[in-house]
C-alpha atoms as a PDB file:
ATOM      1  CA  MET A   1       4.214 -12.889 -22.860  1.00  0.00           C
ATOM      2  CA  ALA A   2       5.829 -10.051 -24.796  1.00  0.00           C
ATOM      3  CA  ASP A   3       2.595  -8.135 -25.154  1.00  0.00           C
ATOM      4  CA  SER A   4       1.305  -8.667 -21.600  1.00  0.00           C
ATOM      5  CA  LEU A   5       1.224  -5.864 -19.022  1.00  0.00           C
ATOM      6  CA  ILE A   6       3.739  -7.704 -16.825  1.00  0.00           C
ATOM      7  CA  SER A   7       6.325  -7.718 -19.642  1.00  0.00           C
ATOM      8  CA  LEU A   8       6.922  -3.998 -18.948  1.00  0.00           C
ATOM      9  CA  PHE A   9       8.181  -4.644 -15.392  1.00  0.00           C
ATOM     10  CA  ASP A  10      10.941  -6.528 -13.576  1.00  0.00           C
ATOM     11  CA  ALA A  11       9.106  -7.033 -10.269  1.00  0.00           C
ATOM     12  CA  VAL A  12       5.691  -6.931  -8.631  1.00  0.00           C
ATOM     13  CA  LEU A  13       5.358  -5.324  -5.204  1.00  0.00           C
ATOM     14  CA  SER A  14       2.079  -6.779  -3.991  1.00  0.00           C
ATOM     15  CA  ASP A  15      -0.162  -5.811  -1.124  1.00  0.00           C
ATOM     16  CA  LEU A  16      -1.614  -8.756   0.830  1.00  0.00           C
ATOM     17  CA  ASP A  17      -5.114  -8.276   2.234  1.00  0.00           C
ATOM     18  CA  GLY A  18      -7.568  -7.650  -0.611  1.00  0.00           C
ATOM     19  CA  VAL A  19      -5.038  -8.675  -3.284  1.00  0.00           C
ATOM     20  CA  VAL A  20      -3.692 -12.109  -2.300  1.00  0.00           C
ATOM     21  CA  TYR A  21      -6.233 -13.079   0.343  1.00  0.00           C
ATOM     22  CA  ALA A  22      -9.482 -11.898   1.905  1.00  0.00           C
ATOM     23  CA  GLY A  23      -9.660 -13.003   5.528  1.00  0.00           C
ATOM     24  CA  PRO A  24      -8.264 -16.538   5.820  1.00  0.00           C
ATOM     25  CA  HIS A  25      -8.835 -17.507   2.175  1.00  0.00           C
ATOM     26  CA  ALA A  26      -6.856 -16.805  -0.997  1.00  0.00           C
ATOM     27  CA  ILE A  27      -8.614 -14.700  -3.632  1.00  0.00           C
ATOM     28  CA  PRO A  28      -9.522 -16.911  -6.634  1.00  0.00           C
ATOM     29  CA  GLY A  29      -6.704 -16.963  -9.196  1.00  0.00           C
ATOM     30  CA  ALA A  30      -4.288 -14.964  -7.005  1.00  0.00           C
ATOM     31  CA  VAL A  31      -1.970 -17.817  -5.974  1.00  0.00           C
ATOM     32  CA  GLU A  32      -1.672 -19.096  -9.558  1.00  0.00           C
ATOM     33  CA  SER A  33      -0.952 -15.582 -10.838  1.00  0.00           C
ATOM     34  CA  LEU A  34       1.800 -15.077  -8.259  1.00  0.00           C
ATOM     35  CA  ARG A  35       3.390 -18.443  -9.053  1.00  0.00           C
ATOM     36  CA  ARG A  36       3.369 -17.604 -12.749  1.00  0.00           C
ATOM     37  CA  LEU A  37       5.620 -14.566 -12.197  1.00  0.00           C
ATOM     38  CA  GLN A  38       8.641 -16.843 -11.855  1.00  0.00           C
ATOM     39  CA  THR A  39       7.980 -18.409 -15.270  1.00  0.00           C
ATOM     40  CA  VAL A  40       8.164 -14.960 -16.922  1.00  0.00           C
ATOM     41  CA  GLY A  41      11.278 -13.912 -14.974  1.00  0.00           C
ATOM     42  CA  VAL A  42       9.597 -11.252 -12.844  1.00  0.00           C
ATOM     43  CA  GLY A  43      10.546 -10.733  -9.184  1.00  0.00           C
ATOM     44  CA  LEU A  44       7.976 -10.743  -6.389  1.00  0.00           C
ATOM     45  CA  GLY A  45       7.857  -8.871  -3.115  1.00  0.00           C
ATOM     46  CA  TYR A  46       5.040  -8.497  -0.601  1.00  0.00           C
ATOM     47  CA  VAL A  47       4.647  -5.140   1.133  1.00  0.00           C
ATOM     48  CA  THR A  48       2.610  -5.044   4.315  1.00  0.00           C
ATOM     49  CA  ASN A  49       1.801  -2.411   6.910  1.00  0.00           C
ATOM     50  CA  ASN A  50       1.136  -5.125   9.490  1.00  0.00           C
ATOM     51  CA  ALA A  51       3.795  -4.562  12.162  1.00  0.00           C
ATOM     52  CA  SER A  52       2.448  -7.090  14.670  1.00  0.00           C
ATOM     53  CA  ARG A  53       3.647 -10.197  12.766  1.00  0.00           C
ATOM     54  CA  THR A  54       7.221 -10.925  11.686  1.00  0.00           C
ATOM     55  CA  PRO A  55       7.937 -11.266   7.950  1.00  0.00           C
ATOM     56  CA  ALA A  56       8.659 -14.970   8.608  1.00  0.00           C
ATOM     57  CA  GLN A  57       5.151 -15.409  10.083  1.00  0.00           C
ATOM     58  CA  VAL A  58       3.600 -13.593   7.107  1.00  0.00           C
ATOM     59  CA  ALA A  59       5.612 -15.720   4.648  1.00  0.00           C
ATOM     60  CA  ALA A  60       4.545 -18.925   6.442  1.00  0.00           C
ATOM     61  CA  HIS A  61       0.894 -17.884   6.122  1.00  0.00           C
ATOM     62  CA  LEU A  62       1.354 -17.202   2.397  1.00  0.00           C
ATOM     63  CA  ARG A  63       2.977 -20.602   1.882  1.00  0.00           C
ATOM     64  CA  GLU A  64       0.030 -22.256   3.665  1.00  0.00           C
ATOM     65  CA  LEU A  65      -2.210 -20.671   1.014  1.00  0.00           C
ATOM     66  CA  GLY A  66       0.067 -22.063  -1.704  1.00  0.00           C
ATOM     67  CA  ALA A  67       1.643 -18.730  -2.680  1.00  0.00           C
ATOM     68  CA  PRO A  68       5.381 -18.492  -3.379  1.00  0.00           C
ATOM     69  CA  ALA A  69       6.932 -16.739  -0.374  1.00  0.00           C
ATOM     70  CA  GLU A  70      10.443 -16.893   1.003  1.00  0.00           C
ATOM     71  CA  ASP A  71      10.890 -14.910   4.221  1.00  0.00           C
ATOM     72  CA  HIS A  72      13.019 -12.285   2.447  1.00  0.00           C
ATOM     73  CA  GLN A  73      10.211 -11.577  -0.038  1.00  0.00           C
ATOM     74  CA  VAL A  74       8.056 -10.061   2.707  1.00  0.00           C
ATOM     75  CA  VAL A  75       8.850  -6.447   3.541  1.00  0.00           C
ATOM     76  CA  SER A  76       6.970  -5.102   6.544  1.00  0.00           C
ATOM     77  CA  SER A  77       6.529  -1.588   7.846  1.00  0.00           C
ATOM     78  CA  SER A  78       8.571  -2.723  10.894  1.00  0.00           C
ATOM     79  CA  GLN A  79      11.534  -3.496   8.635  1.00  0.00           C
ATOM     80  CA  ALA A  80      11.127  -0.219   6.764  1.00  0.00           C
ATOM     81  CA  ALA A  81      11.050   1.539  10.145  1.00  0.00           C
ATOM     82  CA  GLY A  82      14.264  -0.257  11.146  1.00  0.00           C
ATOM     83  CA  GLU A  83      15.998   0.919   7.962  1.00  0.00           C
ATOM     84  CA  LEU A  84      14.660   4.449   8.401  1.00  0.00           C
ATOM     85  CA  LEU A  85      15.806   4.664  12.039  1.00  0.00           C
ATOM     86  CA  ALA A  86      19.211   3.170  11.224  1.00  0.00           C
ATOM     87  CA  SER A  87      19.727   5.825   8.552  1.00  0.00           C
ATOM     88  CA  MET A  88      19.036   8.639  11.060  1.00  0.00           C
ATOM     89  CA  LEU A  89      20.441   7.379  14.378  1.00  0.00           C
ATOM     90  CA  PRO A  90      23.904   6.247  15.523  1.00  0.00           C
ATOM     91  CA  ALA A  91      24.455   2.490  15.906  1.00  0.00           C
ATOM     92  CA  GLY A  92      23.408   1.205  19.326  1.00  0.00           C
ATOM     93  CA  ALA A  93      21.108   4.185  20.021  1.00  0.00           C
ATOM     94  CA  HIS A  94      18.337   3.477  22.553  1.00  0.00           C
ATOM     95  CA  VAL A  95      14.869   3.322  20.950  1.00  0.00           C
ATOM     96  CA  LEU A  96      11.645   3.132  22.964  1.00  0.00           C
ATOM     97  CA  ILE A  97       9.421   0.413  21.479  1.00  0.00           C
ATOM     98  CA  THR A  98       5.700   1.158  21.589  1.00  0.00           C
ATOM     99  CA  GLY A  99       4.587  -1.988  19.785  1.00  0.00           C
ATOM    100  CA  SER A 100       5.143  -5.711  19.410  1.00  0.00           C
ATOM    101  CA  ALA A 101       8.089  -8.054  19.997  1.00  0.00           C
ATOM    102  CA  ALA A 102       8.283  -8.354  16.187  1.00  0.00           C
ATOM    103  CA  LEU A 103       8.915  -4.598  15.974  1.00  0.00           C
ATOM    104  CA  ALA A 104      11.573  -4.723  18.727  1.00  0.00           C
ATOM    105  CA  HIS A 105      13.278  -7.557  16.811  1.00  0.00           C
ATOM    106  CA  GLU A 106      13.480  -5.496  13.593  1.00  0.00           C
ATOM    107  CA  ILE A 107      14.913  -2.516  15.489  1.00  0.00           C
ATOM    108  CA  GLU A 108      17.545  -4.812  17.003  1.00  0.00           C
ATOM    109  CA  LEU A 109      18.415  -6.221  13.565  1.00  0.00           C
ATOM    110  CA  ALA A 110      18.942  -2.628  12.385  1.00  0.00           C
ATOM    111  CA  GLY A 111      21.740  -2.253  14.955  1.00  0.00           C
ATOM    112  CA  LEU A 112      19.768  -0.251  17.533  1.00  0.00           C
ATOM    113  CA  LYS A 113      18.888  -1.077  21.149  1.00  0.00           C
ATOM    114  CA  PRO A 114      15.183  -1.571  21.944  1.00  0.00           C
ATOM    115  CA  VAL A 115      14.150  -0.232  25.375  1.00  0.00           C
ATOM    116  CA  HIS A 116      10.802  -0.104  27.142  1.00  0.00           C
ATOM    117  CA  SER A 117      11.021   2.833  29.517  1.00  0.00           C
ATOM    118  CA  ALA A 118      11.874   6.536  29.509  1.00  0.00           C
ATOM    119  CA  ALA A 119      14.329   5.722  32.336  1.00  0.00           C
ATOM    120  CA  GLU A 120      16.594   4.018  29.768  1.00  0.00           C
ATOM    121  CA  SER A 121      17.251   7.356  28.002  1.00  0.00           C
ATOM    122  CA  PRO A 122      15.807   6.609  24.540  1.00  0.00           C
ATOM    123  CA  VAL A 123      16.714   9.102  21.793  1.00  0.00           C
ATOM    124  CA  ALA A 124      13.803   7.930  19.630  1.00  0.00           C
ATOM    125  CA  VAL A 125      10.373   6.310  19.856  1.00  0.00           C
ATOM    126  CA  VAL A 126       9.021   3.854  17.299  1.00  0.00           C
ATOM    127  CA  GLN A 127       5.324   3.058  17.381  1.00  0.00           C
ATOM    128  CA  GLY A 128       3.729   0.030  15.698  1.00  0.00           C
ATOM    129  CA  PHE A 129       0.494  -1.884  16.064  1.00  0.00           C
ATOM    130  CA  ASN A 130       0.146  -4.321  18.934  1.00  0.00           C
ATOM    131  CA  PRO A 131      -3.273  -5.351  20.287  1.00  0.00           C
ATOM    132  CA  GLU A 132      -1.750  -5.505  23.790  1.00  0.00           C
ATOM    133  CA  ILE A 133      -0.866  -1.789  23.917  1.00  0.00           C
ATOM    134  CA  GLY A 134      -2.458   0.071  26.839  1.00  0.00           C
ATOM    135  CA  TRP A 135      -2.687   3.598  28.218  1.00  0.00           C
ATOM    136  CA  LYS A 136       0.604   3.260  30.111  1.00  0.00           C
ATOM    137  CA  ASP A 137       2.475   2.439  26.886  1.00  0.00           C
ATOM    138  CA  LEU A 138       1.015   5.463  25.107  1.00  0.00           C
ATOM    139  CA  ALA A 139       1.798   7.652  28.119  1.00  0.00           C
ATOM    140  CA  GLU A 140       5.441   6.480  28.150  1.00  0.00           C
ATOM    141  CA  ALA A 141       5.745   7.238  24.427  1.00  0.00           C
ATOM    142  CA  SER A 142       4.191  10.677  24.986  1.00  0.00           C
ATOM    143  CA  TYR A 143       6.675  11.588  27.746  1.00  0.00           C
ATOM    144  CA  VAL A 144       9.638  10.643  25.548  1.00  0.00           C
ATOM    145  CA  VAL A 145       8.281  12.352  22.404  1.00  0.00           C
ATOM    146  CA  ALA A 146       7.412  15.513  24.350  1.00  0.00           C
ATOM    147  CA  GLY A 147      10.968  15.451  25.737  1.00  0.00           C
ATOM    148  CA  GLY A 148      12.333  15.964  22.226  1.00  0.00           C
ATOM    149  CA  ALA A 149      13.091  12.421  21.041  1.00  0.00           C
ATOM    150  CA  LYS A 150      12.682  11.580  17.348  1.00  0.00           C
ATOM    151  CA  TRP A 151       9.326   9.863  16.739  1.00  0.00           C
ATOM    152  CA  PHE A 152       8.659   7.209  14.123  1.00  0.00           C
ATOM    153  CA  ALA A 153       5.524   5.229  13.242  1.00  0.00           C
ATOM    154  CA  THR A 154       5.471   1.988  11.266  1.00  0.00           C
ATOM    155  CA  ASN A 155       2.176   3.028   9.639  1.00  0.00           C
ATOM    156  CA  THR A 156      -0.869   5.194  10.240  1.00  0.00           C
ATOM    157  CA  ASP A 157      -3.776   3.006   9.027  1.00  0.00           C
ATOM    158  CA  MET A 158      -6.766   4.275  11.017  1.00  0.00           C
ATOM    159  CA  SER A 159      -8.644   0.972  10.778  1.00  0.00           C
ATOM    160  CA  ILE A 160      -7.756  -2.711  10.726  1.00  0.00           C
ATOM    161  CA  PRO A 161     -10.157  -5.364   9.370  1.00  0.00           C
ATOM    162  CA  GLN A 162     -11.143  -8.027  11.927  1.00  0.00           C
ATOM    163  CA  ALA A 163     -13.557 -10.952  11.706  1.00  0.00           C
ATOM    164  CA  ARG A 164     -16.199  -8.939  13.608  1.00  0.00           C
ATOM    165  CA  GLY A 165     -15.733  -5.734  11.587  1.00  0.00           C
ATOM    166  CA  MET A 166     -13.423  -2.732  11.421  1.00  0.00           C
ATOM    167  CA  ALA A 167     -11.319  -2.048  14.536  1.00  0.00           C
ATOM    168  CA  PRO A 168      -8.973   0.847  15.428  1.00  0.00           C
ATOM    169  CA  GLY A 169      -5.622   0.557  13.651  1.00  0.00           C
ATOM    170  CA  ASN A 170      -2.158   1.833  14.520  1.00  0.00           C
ATOM    171  CA  GLY A 171      -3.099   5.288  13.225  1.00  0.00           C
ATOM    172  CA  THR A 172      -5.576   5.761  16.065  1.00  0.00           C
ATOM    173  CA  LEU A 173      -2.872   4.949  18.646  1.00  0.00           C
ATOM    174  CA  VAL A 174      -0.409   7.277  16.895  1.00  0.00           C
ATOM    175  CA  ALA A 175      -3.129   9.961  16.890  1.00  0.00           C
ATOM    176  CA  ALA A 176      -3.444   9.633  20.686  1.00  0.00           C
ATOM    177  CA  VAL A 177       0.261  10.412  21.159  1.00  0.00           C
ATOM    178  CA  ALA A 178       0.041  13.218  18.568  1.00  0.00           C
ATOM    179  CA  ALA A 179      -2.908  14.744  20.433  1.00  0.00           C
ATOM    180  CA  ALA A 180      -0.994  14.587  23.738  1.00  0.00           C
ATOM    181  CA  THR A 181       2.284  16.017  22.400  1.00  0.00           C
ATOM    182  CA  GLY A 182       1.384  18.212  19.425  1.00  0.00           C
ATOM    183  CA  LYS A 183       4.100  16.388  17.418  1.00  0.00           C
ATOM    184  CA  THR A 184       3.979  14.435  14.150  1.00  0.00           C
ATOM    185  CA  PRO A 185       5.916  11.197  13.514  1.00  0.00           C
ATOM    186  CA  LEU A 186       7.953  10.164  10.492  1.00  0.00           C
ATOM    187  CA  VAL A 187       6.094   7.251   8.858  1.00  0.00           C
ATOM    188  CA  ALA A 188       7.906   4.256   7.340  1.00  0.00           C
ATOM    189  CA  GLY A 189       4.979   2.239   5.976  1.00  0.00           C
ATOM    190  CA  LYS A 190       2.319   2.879   3.366  1.00  0.00           C
ATOM    191  CA  PRO A 191       1.420   5.422   2.079  1.00  0.00           C
ATOM    192  CA  GLU A 192       4.953   6.786   2.529  1.00  0.00           C
ATOM    193  CA  ALA A 193       7.756   5.873   0.113  1.00  0.00           C
ATOM    194  CA  PRO A 194      10.341   4.100   2.389  1.00  0.00           C
ATOM    195  CA  LEU A 195       8.528   0.747   2.487  1.00  0.00           C
ATOM    196  CA  PHE A 196       8.319   0.566  -1.334  1.00  0.00           C
ATOM    197  CA  HIS A 197      11.925   1.688  -1.797  1.00  0.00           C
ATOM    198  CA  ALA A 198      13.086  -0.938   0.736  1.00  0.00           C
ATOM    199  CA  ALA A 199      11.177  -3.664  -1.160  1.00  0.00           C
ATOM    200  CA  ALA A 200      12.509  -2.628  -4.587  1.00  0.00           C
ATOM    201  CA  LYS A 201      16.067  -2.462  -3.238  1.00  0.00           C
ATOM    202  CA  ARG A 202      15.794  -5.951  -1.771  1.00  0.00           C
ATOM    203  CA  LEU A 203      14.628  -7.361  -5.137  1.00  0.00           C
ATOM    204  CA  LYS A 204      17.195  -5.243  -7.053  1.00  0.00           C
ATOM    205  CA  ALA A 205      14.249  -4.038  -9.141  1.00  0.00           C
ATOM    206  CA  ASP A 206      14.499  -1.000 -11.433  1.00  0.00           C
ATOM    207  CA  ARG A 207      10.957  -1.155 -12.855  1.00  0.00           C
ATOM    208  CA  PRO A 208       8.631  -2.519 -10.162  1.00  0.00           C
ATOM    209  CA  LEU A 209       4.846  -2.457 -10.465  1.00  0.00           C
ATOM    210  CA  VAL A 210       3.013  -1.760  -7.193  1.00  0.00           C
ATOM    211  CA  VAL A 211      -0.271  -3.717  -7.023  1.00  0.00           C
ATOM    212  CA  GLY A 212      -2.880  -2.950  -4.382  1.00  0.00           C
ATOM    213  CA  ASP A 213      -6.579  -2.700  -3.605  1.00  0.00           C
ATOM    214  CA  ARG A 214      -6.480   0.547  -1.597  1.00  0.00           C
ATOM    215  CA  LEU A 215      -5.935   3.966  -3.101  1.00  0.00           C
ATOM    216  CA  ASP A 216      -5.036   5.632   0.209  1.00  0.00           C
ATOM    217  CA  THR A 217      -2.174   3.252   1.076  1.00  0.00           C
ATOM    218  CA  ASP A 218      -1.005   1.094  -1.865  1.00  0.00           C
ATOM    219  CA  ILE A 219      -1.575   3.402  -4.817  1.00  0.00           C
ATOM    220  CA  LEU A 220      -0.674   6.636  -3.024  1.00  0.00           C
ATOM    221  CA  GLY A 221       2.475   4.999  -1.611  1.00  0.00           C
ATOM    222  CA  GLY A 222       3.537   3.518  -4.951  1.00  0.00           C
ATOM    223  CA  ASN A 223       2.987   6.868  -6.655  1.00  0.00           C
ATOM    224  CA  ARG A 224       5.006   8.654  -3.965  1.00  0.00           C
ATOM    225  CA  ALA A 225       7.831   6.154  -4.436  1.00  0.00           C
ATOM    226  CA  GLY A 226       7.873   7.015  -8.145  1.00  0.00           C
ATOM    227  CA  PHE A 227       6.793   3.525  -9.253  1.00  0.00           C
ATOM    228  CA  ALA A 228       4.028   2.420 -11.635  1.00  0.00           C
ATOM    229  CA  THR A 229       0.808   1.455  -9.843  1.00  0.00           C
ATOM    230  CA  ALA A 230      -2.068  -0.929 -10.593  1.00  0.00           C
ATOM    231  CA  ALA A 231      -5.349  -1.030  -8.676  1.00  0.00           C
ATOM    232  CA  VAL A 232      -7.162  -4.381  -8.471  1.00  0.00           C
ATOM    233  CA  LEU A 233     -10.879  -4.685  -7.765  1.00  0.00           C
ATOM    234  CA  THR A 234     -10.664  -7.619  -5.324  1.00  0.00           C
ATOM    235  CA  GLY A 235     -10.558  -5.564  -2.118  1.00  0.00           C
ATOM    236  CA  VAL A 236     -11.493  -2.165  -0.734  1.00  0.00           C
ATOM    237  CA  ASP A 237     -11.675   0.239  -3.668  1.00  0.00           C
ATOM    238  CA  THR A 238     -14.140  -0.019  -6.558  1.00  0.00           C
ATOM    239  CA  THR A 239     -14.444   1.437 -10.054  1.00  0.00           C
ATOM    240  CA  HIS A 240     -16.642   4.188  -8.533  1.00  0.00           C
ATOM    241  CA  THR A 241     -14.104   5.226  -5.871  1.00  0.00           C
ATOM    242  CA  ILE A 242     -11.205   4.919  -8.330  1.00  0.00           C
ATOM    243  CA  ILE A 243     -12.694   7.271 -10.942  1.00  0.00           C
ATOM    244  CA  ALA A 244     -13.317   9.815  -8.143  1.00  0.00           C
ATOM    245  CA  ALA A 245      -9.742   9.521  -6.814  1.00  0.00           C
ATOM    246  CA  ARG A 246      -7.723  12.581  -5.944  1.00  0.00           C
ATOM    247  CA  THR A 247      -4.727  13.153  -8.220  1.00  0.00           C
ATOM    248  CA  ASP A 248      -2.092  11.574  -5.929  1.00  0.00           C
ATOM    249  CA  GLU A 249      -4.150   8.382  -5.550  1.00  0.00           C
ATOM    250  CA  ARG A 250      -4.827   7.672  -9.235  1.00  0.00           C
ATOM    251  CA  PRO A 251      -3.413   4.348 -10.468  1.00  0.00           C
ATOM    252  CA  ASP A 252      -1.626   3.919 -13.789  1.00  0.00           C
ATOM    253  CA  TYR A 253      -3.517   0.701 -14.462  1.00  0.00           C
ATOM    254  CA  LEU A 254      -6.936  -0.666 -13.568  1.00  0.00           C
ATOM    255  CA  LEU A 255      -7.222  -4.474 -13.280  1.00  0.00           C
ATOM    256  CA  ALA A 256     -10.023  -6.811 -12.256  1.00  0.00           C
ATOM    257  CA  ASP A 257      -7.533  -9.029 -10.380  1.00  0.00           C
ATOM    258  CA  LEU A 258      -3.946 -10.338 -10.515  1.00  0.00           C
ATOM    259  CA  GLU A 259      -4.733 -12.429 -13.604  1.00  0.00           C
ATOM    260  CA  GLY A 260      -4.935  -9.117 -15.499  1.00  0.00           C
ATOM    261  CA  LEU A 261      -1.130  -8.885 -15.284  1.00  0.00           C
ATOM    262  CA  TYR A 262      -0.860 -11.516 -18.028  1.00  0.00           C
ATOM    263  CA  ALA A 263      -3.214  -9.889 -20.528  1.00  0.00           C
ATOM    264  CA  PRO A 264      -2.215  -7.098 -22.921  1.00  0.00           C
ATOM    265  CA  TYR A 265      -3.202  -3.764 -21.397  1.00  0.00           C
ATOM    266  CA  PRO A 266      -5.365  -1.816 -23.849  1.00  0.00           C
ATOM    267  CA  GLU A 267      -4.124   1.630 -24.770  1.00  0.00           C
ATOM    268  CA  VAL A 268      -6.372   4.593 -24.044  1.00  0.00           C
ATOM    269  CA  VAL A 269      -6.377   6.912 -27.053  1.00  0.00           C
ATOM    270  CA  SER A 270      -7.517  10.531 -26.894  1.00  0.00           C
ATOM    271  CA  ASP A 271      -9.026  12.192 -29.940  1.00  0.00           C
ATOM    272  CA  ALA A 272     -10.395  15.737 -29.603  1.00  0.00           C
ATOM    273  CA  GLY A 273     -11.683  15.125 -26.065  1.00  0.00           C
ATOM    274  CA  THR A 274     -13.026  11.629 -26.722  1.00  0.00           C
ATOM    275  CA  PHE A 275     -11.128   8.900 -24.870  1.00  0.00           C
ATOM    276  CA  ARG A 276     -11.278   5.423 -26.409  1.00  0.00           C
ATOM    277  CA  CYS A 277     -10.298   2.111 -24.853  1.00  0.00           C
ATOM    278  CA  GLY A 278     -11.078  -1.106 -26.682  1.00  0.00           C
ATOM    279  CA  ALA A 279     -14.645  -0.824 -27.986  1.00  0.00           C
ATOM    280  CA  ALA A 280     -15.631   1.772 -25.350  1.00  0.00           C
ATOM    281  CA  SER A 281     -15.328   5.561 -25.358  1.00  0.00           C
ATOM    282  CA  ALA A 282     -15.934   8.388 -22.879  1.00  0.00           C
ATOM    283  CA  VAL A 283     -16.332  12.163 -22.918  1.00  0.00           C
ATOM    284  CA  ALA A 284     -16.218  14.455 -19.859  1.00  0.00           C
ATOM    285  CA  GLY A 285     -17.865  17.846 -19.417  1.00  0.00           C
ATOM    286  CA  ASP A 286     -19.669  19.861 -16.724  1.00  0.00           C
ATOM    287  CA  GLY A 287     -19.101  17.303 -13.987  1.00  0.00           C
ATOM    288  CA  THR A 288     -20.476  14.468 -16.123  1.00  0.00           C
ATOM    289  CA  VAL A 289     -18.773  11.582 -17.880  1.00  0.00           C
ATOM    290  CA  THR A 290     -20.751  10.100 -20.759  1.00  0.00           C
ATOM    291  CA  VAL A 291     -19.595   6.561 -21.467  1.00  0.00           C
ATOM    292  CA  THR A 292     -20.441   4.623 -24.601  1.00  0.00           C
ATOM    293  CA  GLY A 293     -20.037   1.015 -23.560  1.00  0.00           C
ATOM    294  CA  ASP A 294     -21.078  -1.577 -21.010  1.00  0.00           C
ATOM    295  CA  GLU A 295     -20.786  -0.813 -17.282  1.00  0.00           C
ATOM    296  CA  ALA A 296     -19.511  -4.372 -16.748  1.00  0.00           C
ATOM    297  CA  ASP A 297     -16.634  -3.817 -19.222  1.00  0.00           C
ATOM    298  CA  LEU A 298     -13.370  -2.684 -17.591  1.00  0.00           C
ATOM    299  CA  ASP A 299     -12.341  -0.923 -20.820  1.00  0.00           C
ATOM    300  CA  ALA A 300     -15.342   1.381 -20.395  1.00  0.00           C
ATOM    301  CA  TRP A 301     -14.106   2.328 -16.914  1.00  0.00           C
ATOM    302  CA  ARG A 302     -10.549   2.826 -18.204  1.00  0.00           C
ATOM    303  CA  ALA A 303     -11.876   5.242 -20.830  1.00  0.00           C
ATOM    304  CA  ALA A 304     -14.104   6.970 -18.254  1.00  0.00           C
ATOM    305  CA  CYS A 305     -11.210   7.415 -15.801  1.00  0.00           C
ATOM    306  CA  ALA A 306      -8.974   8.847 -18.528  1.00  0.00           C
ATOM    307  CA  ALA A 307     -11.665  11.312 -19.613  1.00  0.00           C
ATOM    308  CA  TRP A 308     -12.483  12.455 -16.080  1.00  0.00           C
ATOM    309  CA  TRP A 309      -8.869  12.719 -14.952  1.00  0.00           C
ATOM    310  CA  ALA A 310      -8.036  14.817 -18.022  1.00  0.00           C
ATOM    311  CA  ALA A 311     -10.978  17.104 -17.176  1.00  0.00           C
ATOM    312  CA  VAL A 312      -9.975  17.314 -13.480  1.00  0.00           C
ATOM    313  CA  PRO A 313      -6.183  16.996 -13.616  1.00  0.00           C
ATOM    314  CA  ASP A 314      -5.370  18.471 -10.244  1.00  0.00           C
ATOM    315  CA  THR A 315      -7.478  17.809  -7.165  1.00  0.00           C
ATOM    316  CA  ASP A 316      -6.542  17.057  -3.566  1.00  0.00           C
ATOM    317  CA  VAL A 317     -10.063  15.902  -2.684  1.00  0.00           C
ATOM    318  CA  ALA A 318     -12.027  13.029  -4.232  1.00  0.00           C
ATOM    319  CA  GLN A 319     -14.409  14.275  -6.925  1.00  0.00           C
ATOM    320  CA  THR A 320     -17.198  12.034  -8.154  1.00  0.00           C
ATOM    321  CA  PRO A 321     -18.513  12.651 -11.668  1.00  0.00           C
ATOM    322  CA  GLN A 322     -22.057  11.951 -12.721  1.00  0.00           C
ATOM    323  CA  LEU A 323     -21.881   8.891 -14.991  1.00  0.00           C
ATOM    324  CA  VAL A 324     -24.162   8.526 -18.017  1.00  0.00           C
ATOM    325  CA  TRP A 325     -24.039   5.121 -19.715  1.00  0.00           C
ATOM    326  CA  ARG A 326     -24.949   4.694 -23.362  1.00  0.00           C
ATOM    327  CA  ASN A 327     -25.037   1.416 -25.249  1.00  0.00           C
ATOM    328  CA  HIS A 328     -23.178   1.147 -28.520  1.00  0.00           C
END
């Protein structure tokens, strides 16, 4: 496997939904690709923003799908929050939990005392997703935050995929407290760096590759952590949204799926403004990318991304080029 992409790394930090599974089912080829990591001596960690399930519950679900998953391989935003709080608060400090029992458990494991009321003198608030949260919980958090306590959020995903469609995520509940208090929380989960650093530390990885399907959480977070990033096309983002990505959300690698880890990654070569990848090439100018190649060929998209990103190196908003496709 010396020439495969995965040979450059000592661990994979994988997102779950959209990479390993979609809804209740595993994505074709994903389980086999994850199992294969062990045969090439590469570590595996799962990074999830889901703070409503314990890592043990997540690992059990992965094992049901046939994926390799020991409990310690799952790093949740609740755990990252626990580590973050423990690094900033004295041992035994009272922390108001606005979230699930799983979140309270992680805070306890971090050597802090979970409490559920302002009357218990919390010095911090930690907020994580829990479908049971109501107005009273958000009000309690607001009183404590407004009173000057440190405020942490496991994650700020605005939406959460459900069987019936997209529902409000933890970010919407955090936004309610922010609107009431005028304060901003410290965030432990994606797209912030702590979750990725916690996962790499646990695996003792020096050269991890972050793999995800979402630019705004996985890729942005991996980039912020200073790790290499790979976007897969099995979930939310597509070749069209990836080429348009703002600078901070651009992946280092573009893969169809996890099986792409085991193939050699083609080099993109630049020659006087023409970017070549495999048999494809691309040139950018005046808001247009002209691609010589097949739209179904990933190499053509790799060349197109390289050309466009070189033409628009620094942007904090997504910018979509006009794409012109030419056959060889």
